[in-house]
């Protein structure tokens, strides 16, 4: 069960907003509104007030920003710059477990320098999306003693911007990455050993996303595993990882606690919300999702791992 509101602390999300052109096994879709900040904000807003800092071009539809606002997301931190919006094109394999990037156009995102509105600086929960680690550091320099800072990164930054990334890792509480990125960052194949190496770099806790194989939490309480919800139909995995991270932050804000129980249930909630994302193209499922639907599926997910009394 997901409890009624316990905290009203906002989650600040800094990341990308984009257009995606997708070649999927079941359909092709162009000009799909995406980006890490979009997915994370929609999922976080299911549980707590959300705020977005991002940049879009003058080709970005006002209706997409209005959709975020309609879900209770504060959009005053979205900058509209002259030029075209960041665009990514990709083709997914038939089993959806791998994808090929066909085109990346940074456009206005190439000159993105996050500027936090004064009202955003005291946000208690901060999620740094997958942007250049130097920009993540710039955001950290603008915030005022948040309760929780989580960050995402990717292979490109791990290989090309490692010194800056390592500096950023010293300043955050939680790192959210996938298992491939974990192994690359730690330079160790074994996930458990790699997690210990990365936690020694600075983060108190590490969340490892493993796609259809669920997610793992490594922290001072040990290791916790949350399974992925088994779906009958998977359409589009784009943004599922960002959805997971946003839902986790939103749930933790709602709970107002970072204790063992809240963190572990948060992982289960995040896995549940991410499963909805995969069921539609882009954000179409997230945009219509409510907490009641999440609560029902969470109970189903709990049943997968509950084995009764000893």
Foldseek 3Di string as FASTA:
>chain_A
DADPFDFAFEEEEEWEWEWEFEAWLVDTDGRFIAILQLLLLLQLLLFYEYEYAYEAEPVDDPVSVVLSVVSRYHDPNYHYDHWHGWYWYWYADHVRPDIDTPDTDHIVVVVDQRDDDPVCQARQHYEYEADALVSVVSSVVRHDHHVFYEYEYDPCCLVPVVVSVLVSQQVGAEYEYALVVLCSNQVHNDSVVSQVSSVVSHHQKYWYQHPQQFIWIAHPVGIDTFHAQDDPDFIHLPNLSSNLVSNLRSQCNSVVDDDPVSNRVSSLLSSLRSNQCRRDPHCPSSSPDHVVVSVVVSVVSVVVPDDDDD
